[in-house]
Amino acid sequence: MAAYRVAVEAVTNIARHSDGTTAVLTVELAGPALLRVTVADSGRCAEPWTPGVGIQSMYERVEEIGGILTIRTTPEGATVTADLPLAIPA
């Protein structure tokens, strides 16, 4: 469920805040027990993002299951990457 929520929130943020013309969503097995969800856009990011409710909720969902969320912004676009364990700790 965290993978879905991160993907939806990242794509929603692109639609609301980016002036990019493309977005790419990638879901891949990055290891035997690791799912990687990446959302990248081609929008300009002249300034760092100001974390709001959407970004904060992505961090919380990912950390809750022991994953890592990385957000990278450049003048050429932004990338949100969530590395999620496939086995959730008890």
C-alpha atoms as a PDB file:
ATOM      1  CA  MET A   1       0.000   0.000   0.000  1.00  0.00           C
ATOM      2  CA  ALA A   2       2.899   2.398   0.713  1.00  0.00           C
ATOM      3  CA  ALA A   3       4.177   1.985  -2.860  1.00  0.00           C
ATOM      4  CA  TYR A   4       0.780   2.939  -4.259  1.00  0.00           C
ATOM      5  CA  ARG A   5       0.393   5.940  -1.946  1.00  0.00           C
ATOM      6  CA  VAL A   6       3.865   7.288  -2.734  1.00  0.00           C
ATOM      7  CA  ALA A   7       3.231   6.937  -6.475  1.00  0.00           C
ATOM      8  CA  VAL A   8      -0.156   8.670  -6.263  1.00  0.00           C
ATOM      9  CA  GLU A   9       1.121  11.526  -4.100  1.00  0.00           C
ATOM     10  CA  ALA A  10       4.213  12.108  -6.237  1.00  0.00           C
ATOM     11  CA  VAL A  11       2.192  12.168  -9.470  1.00  0.00           C
ATOM     12  CA  THR A  12      -0.394  14.444  -7.837  1.00  0.00           C
ATOM     13  CA  ASN A  13       2.380  16.842  -6.802  1.00  0.00           C
ATOM     14  CA  ILE A  14       3.650  16.903 -10.378  1.00  0.00           C
ATOM     15  CA  ALA A  15       0.182  17.715 -11.694  1.00  0.00           C
ATOM     16  CA  ARG A  16      -0.313  20.485  -9.136  1.00  0.00           C
ATOM     17  CA  HIS A  17       3.133  22.070  -8.885  1.00  0.00           C
ATOM     18  CA  SER A  18       5.335  21.188 -11.839  1.00  0.00           C
ATOM     19  CA  ASP A  19       5.595  22.937 -15.156  1.00  0.00           C
ATOM     20  CA  GLY A  20       7.060  19.773 -16.662  1.00  0.00           C
ATOM     21  CA  THR A  21       5.701  18.157 -19.777  1.00  0.00           C
ATOM     22  CA  THR A  22       6.601  14.565 -18.888  1.00  0.00           C
ATOM     23  CA  ALA A  23       6.504  12.288 -15.882  1.00  0.00           C
ATOM     24  CA  VAL A  24       7.777   8.734 -15.573  1.00  0.00           C
ATOM     25  CA  LEU A  25       6.684   6.215 -12.934  1.00  0.00           C
ATOM     26  CA  THR A  26       8.930   3.183 -12.498  1.00  0.00           C
ATOM     27  CA  VAL A  27       8.325   0.222 -10.187  1.00  0.00           C
ATOM     28  CA  GLU A  28      11.125  -2.316  -9.977  1.00  0.00           C
ATOM     29  CA  LEU A  29      12.620  -5.025  -7.824  1.00  0.00           C
ATOM     30  CA  ALA A  30      15.876  -3.443  -6.686  1.00  0.00           C
ATOM     31  CA  GLY A  31      16.984  -6.512  -4.767  1.00  0.00           C
ATOM     32  CA  PRO A  32      15.602  -9.787  -3.482  1.00  0.00           C
ATOM     33  CA  ALA A  33      13.577  -8.027  -0.783  1.00  0.00           C
ATOM     34  CA  LEU A  34      13.402  -4.428  -2.005  1.00  0.00           C
ATOM     35  CA  LEU A  35      10.779  -2.691  -4.114  1.00  0.00           C
ATOM     36  CA  ARG A  36      11.793   0.652  -5.641  1.00  0.00           C
ATOM     37  CA  VAL A  37       9.188   3.187  -6.746  1.00  0.00           C
ATOM     38  CA  THR A  38      10.540   6.156  -8.684  1.00  0.00           C
ATOM     39  CA  VAL A  39       8.583   9.112 -10.026  1.00  0.00           C
ATOM     40  CA  ALA A  40      10.479  11.661 -12.123  1.00  0.00           C
ATOM     41  CA  ASP A  41       9.311  14.754 -13.959  1.00  0.00           C
ATOM     42  CA  SER A  42      10.804  17.259 -16.386  1.00  0.00           C
ATOM     43  CA  GLY A  43       9.656  20.358 -14.524  1.00  0.00           C
ATOM     44  CA  ARG A  44      11.959  23.161 -13.495  1.00  0.00           C
ATOM     45  CA  CYS A  45      12.965  23.173  -9.847  1.00  0.00           C
ATOM     46  CA  ALA A  46      14.797  26.432  -9.288  1.00  0.00           C
ATOM     47  CA  GLU A  47      14.283  26.198  -5.516  1.00  0.00           C
ATOM     48  CA  PRO A  48      14.178  23.279  -3.078  1.00  0.00           C
ATOM     49  CA  TRP A  49      10.720  21.973  -2.313  1.00  0.00           C
ATOM     50  CA  THR A  50       9.016  23.194   0.790  1.00  0.00           C
ATOM     51  CA  PRO A  51       7.753  20.054   2.492  1.00  0.00           C
ATOM     52  CA  GLY A  52       4.002  20.152   2.854  1.00  0.00           C
ATOM     53  CA  VAL A  53       1.399  17.642   3.911  1.00  0.00           C
ATOM     54  CA  GLY A  54       1.908  15.470   0.802  1.00  0.00           C
ATOM     55  CA  ILE A  55       5.669  15.171   1.125  1.00  0.00           C
ATOM     56  CA  GLN A  56       5.418  14.641   4.872  1.00  0.00           C
ATOM     57  CA  SER A  57       2.859  11.853   4.398  1.00  0.00           C
ATOM     58  CA  MET A  58       5.142  10.125   1.880  1.00  0.00           C
ATOM     59  CA  TYR A  59       8.036  10.220   4.356  1.00  0.00           C
ATOM     60  CA  GLU A  60       5.825   8.886   7.165  1.00  0.00           C
ATOM     61  CA  ARG A  61       4.363   6.024   5.099  1.00  0.00           C
ATOM     62  CA  VAL A  62       7.768   4.905   3.887  1.00  0.00           C
ATOM     63  CA  GLU A  63       9.503   5.180   7.270  1.00  0.00           C
ATOM     64  CA  GLU A  64       6.614   3.372   8.976  1.00  0.00           C
ATOM     65  CA  ILE A  65       7.518   0.166   7.139  1.00  0.00           C
ATOM     66  CA  GLY A  66      11.297   0.598   7.369  1.00  0.00           C
ATOM     67  CA  GLY A  67      11.878   2.123   3.941  1.00  0.00           C
ATOM     68  CA  ILE A  68      13.773   5.148   2.693  1.00  0.00           C
ATOM     69  CA  LEU A  69      12.327   8.078   0.740  1.00  0.00           C
ATOM     70  CA  THR A  70      14.657  10.286  -1.274  1.00  0.00           C
ATOM     71  CA  ILE A  71      13.637  13.481  -3.038  1.00  0.00           C
ATOM     72  CA  ARG A  72      16.065  15.059  -5.472  1.00  0.00           C
ATOM     73  CA  THR A  73      15.423  18.335  -7.266  1.00  0.00           C
ATOM     74  CA  THR A  74      17.453  19.894 -10.056  1.00  0.00           C
ATOM     75  CA  PRO A  75      16.802  22.636 -12.597  1.00  0.00           C
ATOM     76  CA  GLU A  76      15.929  19.829 -15.065  1.00  0.00           C
ATOM     77  CA  GLY A  77      13.290  18.158 -12.910  1.00  0.00           C
ATOM     78  CA  ALA A  78      12.568  16.299  -9.721  1.00  0.00           C
ATOM     79  CA  THR A  79      12.764  12.656  -8.697  1.00  0.00           C
ATOM     80  CA  VAL A  80      11.027  10.934  -5.795  1.00  0.00           C
ATOM     81  CA  THR A  81      12.399   7.493  -4.955  1.00  0.00           C
ATOM     82  CA  ALA A  82      10.978   5.145  -2.331  1.00  0.00           C
ATOM     83  CA  ASP A  83      12.946   2.021  -1.412  1.00  0.00           C
ATOM     84  CA  LEU A  84      10.489  -0.276   0.327  1.00  0.00           C
ATOM     85  CA  PRO A  85      11.177  -3.590   2.031  1.00  0.00           C
ATOM     86  CA  LEU A  86       9.039  -6.422   0.726  1.00  0.00           C
ATOM     87  CA  ALA A  87       8.997  -8.040   4.177  1.00  0.00           C
ATOM     88  CA  ILE A  88       7.444  -5.618   6.647  1.00  0.00           C
ATOM     89  CA  PRO A  89       8.895  -5.773  10.198  1.00  0.00           C
ATOM     90  CA  ALA A  90       6.512  -6.990  12.875  1.00  0.00           C
END
